[in-house]
Amino acid sequence: MIAKTPSPPYYAVIFSNLRTEINDGYGEMAEEMVQLAELQPGYLGHESVRDGLGITISYWESIESIKNWKANTDHMIAQKYGREKWYAAYKTRIALVERDYGFEK
């Protein structure tokens, strides 16, 4: 599903990752993080795909809202588990969305 974002400017946090073979609690934690992110001030939506490489893009009103999400205690626990067991590699990029356009039937 394509996130319904407001008119720019807003921010995108792009999280690209490669998983390990360990699934212990990953699905549950991922679902919990989506639910928690949706409650965060400044959260605008997200999109996520996995086909070998996983990419999740979350959209935020401000850099401050992104910093607050990164510092969320439950999110910090998920980050720790990700580094310890779920991800072989990851990269996070933060970008300012200055323009967007689309098409929908």
PDB file of N, CA and C in Angstrom:
ATOM      1  N   MET A   1       0.843  -1.172   0.000  1.00  0.00           N
ATOM      2  CA  MET A   1       0.000   0.000   0.000  1.00  0.00           C
ATOM      3  C   MET A   1       0.897   1.249   0.000  1.00  0.00           C
ATOM      4  N   ILE A   2       0.557   2.212  -0.801  1.00  0.00           N
ATOM      5  CA  ILE A   2       1.305   3.462  -0.872  1.00  0.00           C
ATOM      6  C   ILE A   2       0.793   4.397   0.220  1.00  0.00           C
ATOM      7  N   ALA A   3       1.717   4.917   1.028  1.00  0.00           N
ATOM      8  CA  ALA A   3       1.349   5.811   2.126  1.00  0.00           C
ATOM      9  C   ALA A   3       0.715   7.086   1.582  1.00  0.00           C
ATOM     10  N   LYS A   4      -0.292   7.559   2.272  1.00  0.00           N
ATOM     11  CA  LYS A   4      -0.966   8.820   1.930  1.00  0.00           C
ATOM     12  C   LYS A   4      -0.255   9.928   2.694  1.00  0.00           C
ATOM     13  N   THR A   5       0.701  10.559   2.062  1.00  0.00           N
ATOM     14  CA  THR A   5       1.476  11.612   2.705  1.00  0.00           C
ATOM     15  C   THR A   5       0.899  12.987   2.350  1.00  0.00           C
ATOM     16  N   PRO A   6       1.179  13.976   3.212  1.00  0.00           N
ATOM     17  CA  PRO A   6       0.701  15.329   2.911  1.00  0.00           C
ATOM     18  C   PRO A   6       1.561  15.972   1.828  1.00  0.00           C
ATOM     19  N   SER A   7       1.224  17.173   1.463  1.00  0.00           N
ATOM     20  CA  SER A   7       2.053  17.921   0.520  1.00  0.00           C
ATOM     21  C   SER A   7       3.416  18.182   1.155  1.00  0.00           C
ATOM     22  N   PRO A   8       4.488  18.102   0.364  1.00  0.00           N
ATOM     23  CA  PRO A   8       5.820  18.383   0.895  1.00  0.00           C
ATOM     24  C   PRO A   8       5.916  19.834   1.379  1.00  0.00           C
ATOM     25  N   PRO A   9       6.899  20.101   2.223  1.00  0.00           N
ATOM     26  CA  PRO A   9       8.007  19.230   2.609  1.00  0.00           C
ATOM     27  C   PRO A   9       7.661  18.332   3.800  1.00  0.00           C
ATOM     28  N   TYR A  10       8.285  17.168   3.823  1.00  0.00           N
ATOM     29  CA  TYR A  10       8.267  16.238   4.945  1.00  0.00           C
ATOM     30  C   TYR A  10       9.507  15.376   4.795  1.00  0.00           C
ATOM     31  N   TYR A  11       9.734  14.486   5.728  1.00  0.00           N
ATOM     32  CA  TYR A  11      10.956  13.680   5.725  1.00  0.00           C
ATOM     33  C   TYR A  11      10.663  12.208   5.493  1.00  0.00           C
ATOM     34  N   ALA A  12      11.623  11.534   4.885  1.00  0.00           N
ATOM     35  CA  ALA A  12      11.559  10.082   4.678  1.00  0.00           C
ATOM     36  C   ALA A  12      12.764   9.453   5.381  1.00  0.00           C
ATOM     37  N   VAL A  13      12.491   8.403   6.155  1.00  0.00           N
ATOM     38  CA  VAL A  13      13.552   7.596   6.750  1.00  0.00           C
ATOM     39  C   VAL A  13      13.546   6.280   5.979  1.00  0.00           C
ATOM     40  N   ILE A  14      14.623   6.010   5.275  1.00  0.00           N
ATOM     41  CA  ILE A  14      14.731   4.829   4.413  1.00  0.00           C
ATOM     42  C   ILE A  14      15.626   3.822   5.121  1.00  0.00           C
ATOM     43  N   PHE A  15      15.036   2.681   5.483  1.00  0.00           N
ATOM     44  CA  PHE A  15      15.755   1.642   6.210  1.00  0.00           C
ATOM     45  C   PHE A  15      15.897   0.426   5.301  1.00  0.00           C
ATOM     46  N   SER A  16      17.108   0.220   4.770  1.00  0.00           N
ATOM     47  CA  SER A  16      17.399  -0.926   3.899  1.00  0.00           C
ATOM     48  C   SER A  16      18.136  -1.960   4.722  1.00  0.00           C
ATOM     49  N   ASN A  17      17.783  -3.242   4.540  1.00  0.00           N
ATOM     50  CA  ASN A  17      18.400  -4.254   5.384  1.00  0.00           C
ATOM     51  C   ASN A  17      18.478  -5.616   4.714  1.00  0.00           C
ATOM     52  N   LEU A  18      19.446  -6.389   5.185  1.00  0.00           N
ATOM     53  CA  LEU A  18      19.579  -7.795   4.825  1.00  0.00           C
ATOM     54  C   LEU A  18      19.412  -8.597   6.109  1.00  0.00           C
ATOM     55  N   ARG A  19      18.535  -9.572   6.078  1.00  0.00           N
ATOM     56  CA  ARG A  19      18.222 -10.378   7.251  1.00  0.00           C
ATOM     57  C   ARG A  19      19.221 -11.515   7.439  1.00  0.00           C
ATOM     58  N   THR A  20      19.331 -11.973   8.686  1.00  0.00           N
ATOM     59  CA  THR A  20      20.022 -13.226   8.981  1.00  0.00           C
ATOM     60  C   THR A  20      18.992 -14.341   8.829  1.00  0.00           C
ATOM     61  N   GLU A  21      19.374 -15.549   9.157  1.00  0.00           N
ATOM     62  CA  GLU A  21      18.446 -16.684   9.124  1.00  0.00           C
ATOM     63  C   GLU A  21      17.606 -16.759  10.399  1.00  0.00           C
ATOM     64  N   ILE A  22      17.896 -15.929  11.374  1.00  0.00           N
ATOM     65  CA  ILE A  22      17.215 -15.979  12.673  1.00  0.00           C
ATOM     66  C   ILE A  22      15.884 -15.233  12.595  1.00  0.00           C
ATOM     67  N   ASN A  23      14.794 -15.939  12.920  1.00  0.00           N
ATOM     68  CA  ASN A  23      13.464 -15.332  12.905  1.00  0.00           C
ATOM     69  C   ASN A  23      12.889 -15.139  14.298  1.00  0.00           C
ATOM     70  N   ASP A  24      13.562 -15.611  15.309  1.00  0.00           N
ATOM     71  CA  ASP A  24      13.104 -15.601  16.694  1.00  0.00           C
ATOM     72  C   ASP A  24      12.507 -14.257  17.118  1.00  0.00           C
ATOM     73  N   GLY A  25      11.180 -14.135  17.043  1.00  0.00           N
ATOM     74  CA  GLY A  25      10.481 -12.940  17.491  1.00  0.00           C
ATOM     75  C   GLY A  25      10.478 -11.775  16.513  1.00  0.00           C
ATOM     76  N   TYR A  26      11.069 -11.946  15.341  1.00  0.00           N
ATOM     77  CA  TYR A  26      11.182 -10.833  14.393  1.00  0.00           C
ATOM     78  C   TYR A  26       9.816 -10.314  13.927  1.00  0.00           C
ATOM     79  N   GLY A  27       8.956 -11.210  13.491  1.00  0.00           N
ATOM     80  CA  GLY A  27       7.650 -10.795  12.963  1.00  0.00           C
ATOM     81  C   GLY A  27       6.825 -10.052  13.993  1.00  0.00           C
ATOM     82  N   GLU A  28       6.829 -10.558  15.206  1.00  0.00           N
ATOM     83  CA  GLU A  28       6.077  -9.921  16.276  1.00  0.00           C
ATOM     84  C   GLU A  28       6.633  -8.531  16.580  1.00  0.00           C
ATOM     85  N   MET A  29       7.958  -8.431  16.638  1.00  0.00           N
ATOM     86  CA  MET A  29       8.578  -7.146  16.931  1.00  0.00           C
ATOM     87  C   MET A  29       8.323  -6.152  15.800  1.00  0.00           C
ATOM     88  N   ALA A  30       8.413  -6.607  14.565  1.00  0.00           N
ATOM     89  CA  ALA A  30       8.166  -5.718  13.428  1.00  0.00           C
ATOM     90  C   ALA A  30       6.741  -5.168  13.482  1.00  0.00           C
ATOM     91  N   GLU A  31       5.783  -6.022  13.773  1.00  0.00           N
ATOM     92  CA  GLU A  31       4.386  -5.596  13.879  1.00  0.00           C
ATOM     93  C   GLU A  31       4.200  -4.611  15.038  1.00  0.00           C
ATOM     94  N   GLU A  32       4.845  -4.886  16.150  1.00  0.00           N
ATOM     95  CA  GLU A  32       4.773  -3.998  17.310  1.00  0.00           C
ATOM     96  C   GLU A  32       5.370  -2.628  16.986  1.00  0.00           C
ATOM     97  N   MET A  33       6.470  -2.605  16.228  1.00  0.00           N
ATOM     98  CA  MET A  33       7.096  -1.333  15.876  1.00  0.00           C
ATOM     99  C   MET A  33       6.215  -0.498  14.949  1.00  0.00           C
ATOM    100  N   VAL A  34       5.499  -1.145  14.035  1.00  0.00           N
ATOM    101  CA  VAL A  34       4.572  -0.422  13.165  1.00  0.00           C
ATOM    102  C   VAL A  34       3.474   0.215  14.010  1.00  0.00           C
ATOM    103  N   GLN A  35       2.897  -0.562  14.909  1.00  0.00           N
ATOM    104  CA  GLN A  35       1.833  -0.043  15.766  1.00  0.00           C
ATOM    105  C   GLN A  35       2.333   1.106  16.639  1.00  0.00           C
ATOM    106  N   LEU A  36       3.530   0.981  17.169  1.00  0.00           N
ATOM    107  CA  LEU A  36       4.110   2.018  18.017  1.00  0.00           C
ATOM    108  C   LEU A  36       4.437   3.274  17.209  1.00  0.00           C
ATOM    109  N   ALA A  37       5.011   3.101  16.019  1.00  0.00           N
ATOM    110  CA  ALA A  37       5.346   4.252  15.169  1.00  0.00           C
ATOM    111  C   ALA A  37       4.087   5.048  14.824  1.00  0.00           C
ATOM    112  N   GLU A  38       3.005   4.339  14.545  1.00  0.00           N
ATOM    113  CA  GLU A  38       1.751   5.006  14.188  1.00  0.00           C
ATOM    114  C   GLU A  38       1.237   5.924  15.294  1.00  0.00           C
ATOM    115  N   LEU A  39       1.645   5.679  16.531  1.00  0.00           N
ATOM    116  CA  LEU A  39       1.223   6.491  17.679  1.00  0.00           C
ATOM    117  C   LEU A  39       2.142   7.680  17.943  1.00  0.00           C
ATOM    118  N   GLN A  40       3.277   7.736  17.252  1.00  0.00           N
ATOM    119  CA  GLN A  40       4.274   8.778  17.509  1.00  0.00           C
ATOM    120  C   GLN A  40       3.858  10.106  16.881  1.00  0.00           C
ATOM    121  N   PRO A  41       4.008  11.208  17.644  1.00  0.00           N
ATOM    122  CA  PRO A  41       3.755  12.525  17.052  1.00  0.00           C
ATOM    123  C   PRO A  41       4.666  12.739  15.839  1.00  0.00           C
ATOM    124  N   GLY A  42       4.087  13.211  14.758  1.00  0.00           N
ATOM    125  CA  GLY A  42       4.864  13.479  13.554  1.00  0.00           C
ATOM    126  C   GLY A  42       4.907  12.343  12.550  1.00  0.00           C
ATOM    127  N   TYR A  43       4.413  11.154  12.917  1.00  0.00           N
ATOM    128  CA  TYR A  43       4.395  10.020  11.984  1.00  0.00           C
ATOM    129  C   TYR A  43       3.367  10.280  10.887  1.00  0.00           C
ATOM    130  N   LEU A  44       3.744  10.045   9.633  1.00  0.00           N
ATOM    131  CA  LEU A  44       2.854  10.296   8.496  1.00  0.00           C
ATOM    132  C   LEU A  44       2.460   9.037   7.731  1.00  0.00           C
ATOM    133  N   GLY A  45       3.179   7.930   7.912  1.00  0.00           N
ATOM    134  CA  GLY A  45       2.876   6.704   7.188  1.00  0.00           C
ATOM    135  C   GLY A  45       4.154   5.952   6.881  1.00  0.00           C
ATOM    136  N   HIS A  46       3.982   4.781   6.260  1.00  0.00           N
ATOM    137  CA  HIS A  46       5.161   3.994   5.884  1.00  0.00           C
ATOM    138  C   HIS A  46       4.819   3.057   4.737  1.00  0.00           C
ATOM    139  N   GLU A  47       5.883   2.565   4.096  1.00  0.00           N
ATOM    140  CA  GLU A  47       5.790   1.559   3.041  1.00  0.00           C
ATOM    141  C   GLU A  47       6.909   0.557   3.295  1.00  0.00           C
ATOM    142  N   SER A  48       6.633  -0.720   3.045  1.00  0.00           N
ATOM    143  CA  SER A  48       7.651  -1.729   3.331  1.00  0.00           C
ATOM    144  C   SER A  48       7.561  -2.881   2.336  1.00  0.00           C
ATOM    145  N   VAL A  49       8.730  -3.345   1.886  1.00  0.00           N
ATOM    146  CA  VAL A  49       8.805  -4.495   0.984  1.00  0.00           C
ATOM    147  C   VAL A  49       9.992  -5.369   1.381  1.00  0.00           C
ATOM    148  N   ARG A  50       9.881  -6.653   1.072  1.00  0.00           N
ATOM    149  CA  ARG A  50      10.996  -7.565   1.305  1.00  0.00           C
ATOM    150  C   ARG A  50      11.006  -8.594   0.193  1.00  0.00           C
ATOM    151  N   ASP A  51      12.126  -8.640  -0.502  1.00  0.00           N
ATOM    152  CA  ASP A  51      12.365  -9.664  -1.515  1.00  0.00           C
ATOM    153  C   ASP A  51      13.870  -9.903  -1.506  1.00  0.00           C
ATOM    154  N   GLY A  52      14.343 -10.543  -0.451  1.00  0.00           N
ATOM    155  CA  GLY A  52      15.781 -10.641  -0.217  1.00  0.00           C
ATOM    156  C   GLY A  52      16.227  -9.401   0.534  1.00  0.00           C
ATOM    157  N   LEU A  53      16.315  -8.287  -0.175  1.00  0.00           N
ATOM    158  CA  LEU A  53      16.595  -6.996   0.440  1.00  0.00           C
ATOM    159  C   LEU A  53      15.294  -6.444   1.007  1.00  0.00           C
ATOM    160  N   GLY A  54      15.333  -5.999   2.256  1.00  0.00           N
ATOM    161  CA  GLY A  54      14.164  -5.372   2.866  1.00  0.00           C
ATOM    162  C   GLY A  54      14.323  -3.867   2.827  1.00  0.00           C
ATOM    163  N   ILE A  55      13.242  -3.170   2.481  1.00  0.00           N
ATOM    164  CA  ILE A  55      13.254  -1.709   2.489  1.00  0.00           C
ATOM    165  C   ILE A  55      11.966  -1.229   3.146  1.00  0.00           C
ATOM    166  N   THR A  56      12.128  -0.436   4.195  1.00  0.00           N
ATOM    167  CA  THR A  56      10.995   0.219   4.834  1.00  0.00           C
ATOM    168  C   THR A  56      11.260   1.715   4.798  1.00  0.00           C
ATOM    169  N   ILE A  57      10.271   2.444   4.311  1.00  0.00           N
ATOM    170  CA  ILE A  57      10.362   3.892   4.283  1.00  0.00           C
ATOM    171  C   ILE A  57       9.259   4.417   5.187  1.00  0.00           C
ATOM    172  N   SER A  58       9.664   5.176   6.193  1.00  0.00           N
ATOM    173  CA  SER A  58       8.669   5.829   7.045  1.00  0.00           C
ATOM    174  C   SER A  58       8.736   7.326   6.785  1.00  0.00           C
ATOM    175  N   TYR A  59       7.590   7.984   6.907  1.00  0.00           N
ATOM    176  CA  TYR A  59       7.472   9.402   6.592  1.00  0.00           C
ATOM    177  C   TYR A  59       7.137  10.175   7.863  1.00  0.00           C
ATOM    178  N   TRP A  60       7.797  11.335   8.011  1.00  0.00           N
ATOM    179  CA  TRP A  60       7.715  12.106   9.252  1.00  0.00           C
ATOM    180  C   TRP A  60       7.589  13.596   8.950  1.00  0.00           C
ATOM    181  N   GLU A  61       6.932  14.311   9.858  1.00  0.00           N
ATOM    182  CA  GLU A  61       6.753  15.753   9.708  1.00  0.00           C
ATOM    183  C   GLU A  61       8.047  16.536   9.865  1.00  0.00           C
ATOM    184  N   SER A  62       8.946  16.055  10.742  1.00  0.00           N
ATOM    185  CA  SER A  62      10.119  16.860  11.074  1.00  0.00           C
ATOM    186  C   SER A  62      11.297  15.988  11.499  1.00  0.00           C
ATOM    187  N   ILE A  63      12.471  16.587  11.497  1.00  0.00           N
ATOM    188  CA  ILE A  63      13.668  15.912  12.020  1.00  0.00           C
ATOM    189  C   ILE A  63      13.473  15.607  13.501  1.00  0.00           C
ATOM    190  N   GLU A  64      12.839  16.515  14.228  1.00  0.00           N
ATOM    191  CA  GLU A  64      12.605  16.311  15.659  1.00  0.00           C
ATOM    192  C   GLU A  64      11.749  15.064  15.900  1.00  0.00           C
ATOM    193  N   SER A  65      10.713  14.854  15.099  1.00  0.00           N
ATOM    194  CA  SER A  65       9.873  13.666  15.274  1.00  0.00           C
ATOM    195  C   SER A  65      10.662  12.388  14.963  1.00  0.00           C
ATOM    196  N   ILE A  66      11.588  12.453  14.015  1.00  0.00           N
ATOM    197  CA  ILE A  66      12.453  11.304  13.710  1.00  0.00           C
ATOM    198  C   ILE A  66      13.382  11.017  14.883  1.00  0.00           C
ATOM    199  N   LYS A  67      13.977  12.053  15.453  1.00  0.00           N
ATOM    200  CA  LYS A  67      14.857  11.881  16.622  1.00  0.00           C
ATOM    201  C   LYS A  67      14.101  11.273  17.794  1.00  0.00           C
ATOM    202  N   ASN A  68      12.885  11.733  18.013  1.00  0.00           N
ATOM    203  CA  ASN A  68      12.075  11.187  19.109  1.00  0.00           C
ATOM    204  C   ASN A  68      11.746   9.716  18.879  1.00  0.00           C
ATOM    205  N   TRP A  69      11.462   9.337  17.645  1.00  0.00           N
ATOM    206  CA  TRP A  69      11.184   7.934  17.327  1.00  0.00           C
ATOM    207  C   TRP A  69      12.436   7.075  17.546  1.00  0.00           C
ATOM    208  N   LYS A  70      13.573   7.548  17.089  1.00  0.00           N
ATOM    209  CA  LYS A  70      14.821   6.801  17.269  1.00  0.00           C
ATOM    210  C   LYS A  70      15.124   6.593  18.747  1.00  0.00           C
ATOM    211  N   ALA A  71      14.771   7.568  19.596  1.00  0.00           N
ATOM    212  CA  ALA A  71      15.063   7.498  21.027  1.00  0.00           C
ATOM    213  C   ALA A  71      13.971   6.805  21.845  1.00  0.00           C
ATOM    214  N   ASN A  72      12.881   6.377  21.199  1.00  0.00           N
ATOM    215  CA  ASN A  72      11.817   5.674  21.907  1.00  0.00           C
ATOM    216  C   ASN A  72      12.378   4.391  22.528  1.00  0.00           C
ATOM    217  N   THR A  73      12.104   4.167  23.800  1.00  0.00           N
ATOM    218  CA  THR A  73      12.683   3.039  24.541  1.00  0.00           C
ATOM    219  C   THR A  73      12.397   1.698  23.878  1.00  0.00           C
ATOM    220  N   ASP A  74      11.155   1.444  23.500  1.00  0.00           N
ATOM    221  CA  ASP A  74      10.813   0.168  22.860  1.00  0.00           C
ATOM    222  C   ASP A  74      11.495   0.038  21.500  1.00  0.00           C
ATOM    223  N   HIS A  75      11.595   1.141  20.778  1.00  0.00           N
ATOM    224  CA  HIS A  75      12.276   1.121  19.488  1.00  0.00           C
ATOM    225  C   HIS A  75      13.769   0.839  19.676  1.00  0.00           C
ATOM    226  N   MET A  76      14.353   1.383  20.740  1.00  0.00           N
ATOM    227  CA  MET A  76      15.773   1.137  21.025  1.00  0.00           C
ATOM    228  C   MET A  76      16.025  -0.350  21.309  1.00  0.00           C
ATOM    229  N   ILE A  77      15.085  -0.999  21.977  1.00  0.00           N
ATOM    230  CA  ILE A  77      15.201  -2.443  22.235  1.00  0.00           C
ATOM    231  C   ILE A  77      15.155  -3.206  20.917  1.00  0.00           C
ATOM    232  N   ALA A  78      14.233  -2.834  20.029  1.00  0.00           N
ATOM    233  CA  ALA A  78      14.139  -3.485  18.717  1.00  0.00           C
ATOM    234  C   ALA A  78      15.423  -3.277  17.916  1.00  0.00           C
ATOM    235  N   GLN A  79      16.005  -2.072  17.994  1.00  0.00           N
ATOM    236  CA  GLN A  79      17.256  -1.797  17.293  1.00  0.00           C
ATOM    237  C   GLN A  79      18.373  -2.705  17.811  1.00  0.00           C
ATOM    238  N   LYS A  80      18.422  -2.872  19.126  1.00  0.00           N
ATOM    239  CA  LYS A  80      19.439  -3.734  19.748  1.00  0.00           C
ATOM    240  C   LYS A  80      19.302  -5.174  19.250  1.00  0.00           C
ATOM    241  N   TYR A  81      18.081  -5.716  19.271  1.00  0.00           N
ATOM    242  CA  TYR A  81      17.857  -7.079  18.781  1.00  0.00           C
ATOM    243  C   TYR A  81      18.199  -7.195  17.301  1.00  0.00           C
ATOM    244  N   GLY A  82      17.879  -6.149  16.531  1.00  0.00           N
ATOM    245  CA  GLY A  82      18.193  -6.158  15.110  1.00  0.00           C
ATOM    246  C   GLY A  82      19.687  -6.319  14.874  1.00  0.00           C
ATOM    247  N   ARG A  83      20.479  -5.555  15.609  1.00  0.00           N
ATOM    248  CA  ARG A  83      21.940  -5.647  15.464  1.00  0.00           C
ATOM    249  C   ARG A  83      22.464  -6.986  15.966  1.00  0.00           C
ATOM    250  N   GLU A  84      21.886  -7.503  17.046  1.00  0.00           N
ATOM    251  CA  GLU A  84      22.385  -8.741  17.656  1.00  0.00           C
ATOM    252  C   GLU A  84      21.995 -10.005  16.895  1.00  0.00           C
ATOM    253  N   LYS A  85      20.769 -10.028  16.305  1.00  0.00           N
ATOM    254  CA  LYS A  85      20.341 -11.300  15.724  1.00  0.00           C
ATOM    255  C   LYS A  85      19.585 -11.232  14.398  1.00  0.00           C
ATOM    256  N   TRP A  86      18.856 -10.192  14.090  1.00  0.00           N
ATOM    257  CA  TRP A  86      17.975 -10.231  12.929  1.00  0.00           C
ATOM    258  C   TRP A  86      18.583  -9.702  11.640  1.00  0.00           C
ATOM    259  N   TYR A  87      19.547  -8.804  11.726  1.00  0.00           N
ATOM    260  CA  TYR A  87      20.097  -8.192  10.516  1.00  0.00           C
ATOM    261  C   TYR A  87      21.559  -8.548  10.310  1.00  0.00           C
ATOM    262  N   ALA A  88      21.878  -8.938   9.082  1.00  0.00           N
ATOM    263  CA  ALA A  88      23.278  -9.143   8.693  1.00  0.00           C
ATOM    264  C   ALA A  88      23.897  -7.803   8.334  1.00  0.00           C
ATOM    265  N   ALA A  89      23.073  -6.886   7.838  1.00  0.00           N
ATOM    266  CA  ALA A  89      23.530  -5.539   7.482  1.00  0.00           C
ATOM    267  C   ALA A  89      22.306  -4.639   7.357  1.00  0.00           C
ATOM    268  N   TYR A  90      22.508  -3.357   7.639  1.00  0.00           N
ATOM    269  CA  TYR A  90      21.453  -2.386   7.378  1.00  0.00           C
ATOM    270  C   TYR A  90      22.048  -1.007   7.141  1.00  0.00           C
ATOM    271  N   LYS A  91      21.243  -0.149   6.543  1.00  0.00           N
ATOM    272  CA  LYS A  91      21.631   1.236   6.297  1.00  0.00           C
ATOM    273  C   LYS A  91      20.374   2.084   6.471  1.00  0.00           C
ATOM    274  N   THR A  92      20.503   3.180   7.214  1.00  0.00           N
ATOM    275  CA  THR A  92      19.399   4.115   7.391  1.00  0.00           C
ATOM    276  C   THR A  92      19.775   5.432   6.741  1.00  0.00           C
ATOM    277  N   ARG A  93      18.851   5.952   5.954  1.00  0.00           N
ATOM    278  CA  ARG A  93      19.065   7.234   5.290  1.00  0.00           C
ATOM    279  C   ARG A  93      17.878   8.146   5.619  1.00  0.00           C
ATOM    280  N   ILE A  94      18.159   9.410   5.847  1.00  0.00           N
ATOM    281  CA  ILE A  94      17.104  10.373   6.134  1.00  0.00           C
ATOM    282  C   ILE A  94      17.143  11.428   5.036  1.00  0.00           C
ATOM    283  N   ALA A  95      15.982  11.660   4.422  1.00  0.00           N
ATOM    284  CA  ALA A  95      15.925  12.577   3.287  1.00  0.00           C
ATOM    285  C   ALA A  95      14.748  13.539   3.431  1.00  0.00           C
ATOM    286  N   LEU A  96      14.944  14.745   2.974  1.00  0.00           N
ATOM    287  CA  LEU A  96      13.870  15.728   2.904  1.00  0.00           C
ATOM    288  C   LEU A  96      13.138  15.528   1.583  1.00  0.00           C
ATOM    289  N   VAL A  97      11.848  15.322   1.661  1.00  0.00           N
ATOM    290  CA  VAL A  97      11.024  15.210   0.450  1.00  0.00           C
ATOM    291  C   VAL A  97      10.571  16.620   0.092  1.00  0.00           C
ATOM    292  N   GLU A  98      11.039  17.098  -1.027  1.00  0.00           N
ATOM    293  CA  GLU A  98      10.716  18.453  -1.474  1.00  0.00           C
ATOM    294  C   GLU A  98       9.599  18.471  -2.505  1.00  0.00           C
ATOM    295  N   ARG A  99       9.422  17.334  -3.159  1.00  0.00           N
ATOM    296  CA  ARG A  99       8.417  17.241  -4.217  1.00  0.00           C
ATOM    297  C   ARG A  99       7.925  15.818  -4.287  1.00  0.00           C
ATOM    298  N   ASP A 100       6.638  15.636  -4.492  1.00  0.00           N
ATOM    299  CA  ASP A 100       6.107  14.313  -4.779  1.00  0.00           C
ATOM    300  C   ASP A 100       4.945  14.436  -5.764  1.00  0.00           C
ATOM    301  N   TYR A 101       4.705  13.383  -6.500  1.00  0.00           N
ATOM    302  CA  TYR A 101       3.590  13.338  -7.430  1.00  0.00           C
ATOM    303  C   TYR A 101       3.252  11.893  -7.664  1.00  0.00           C
ATOM    304  N   GLY A 102       2.070  11.603  -8.187  1.00  0.00           N
ATOM    305  CA  GLY A 102       1.692  10.220  -8.372  1.00  0.00           C
ATOM    306  C   GLY A 102       0.513  10.052  -9.309  1.00  0.00           C
ATOM    307  N   PHE A 103       0.050   8.846  -9.346  1.00  0.00           N
ATOM    308  CA  PHE A 103      -1.062   8.435 -10.197  1.00  0.00           C
ATOM    309  C   PHE A 103      -1.843   7.371  -9.457  1.00  0.00           C
ATOM    310  N   GLU A 104      -3.147   7.429  -9.549  1.00  0.00           N
ATOM    311  CA  GLU A 104      -3.989   6.408  -8.924  1.00  0.00           C
ATOM    312  C   GLU A 104      -5.271   6.270  -9.714  1.00  0.00           C
ATOM    313  N   LYS A 105      -5.637   5.030 -10.068  1.00  0.00           N
ATOM    314  CA  LYS A 105      -6.899   4.781 -10.777  1.00  0.00           C
ATOM    315  C   LYS A 105      -8.029   4.668  -9.807  1.00  0.00           C
TER     316      LYS A 105
END
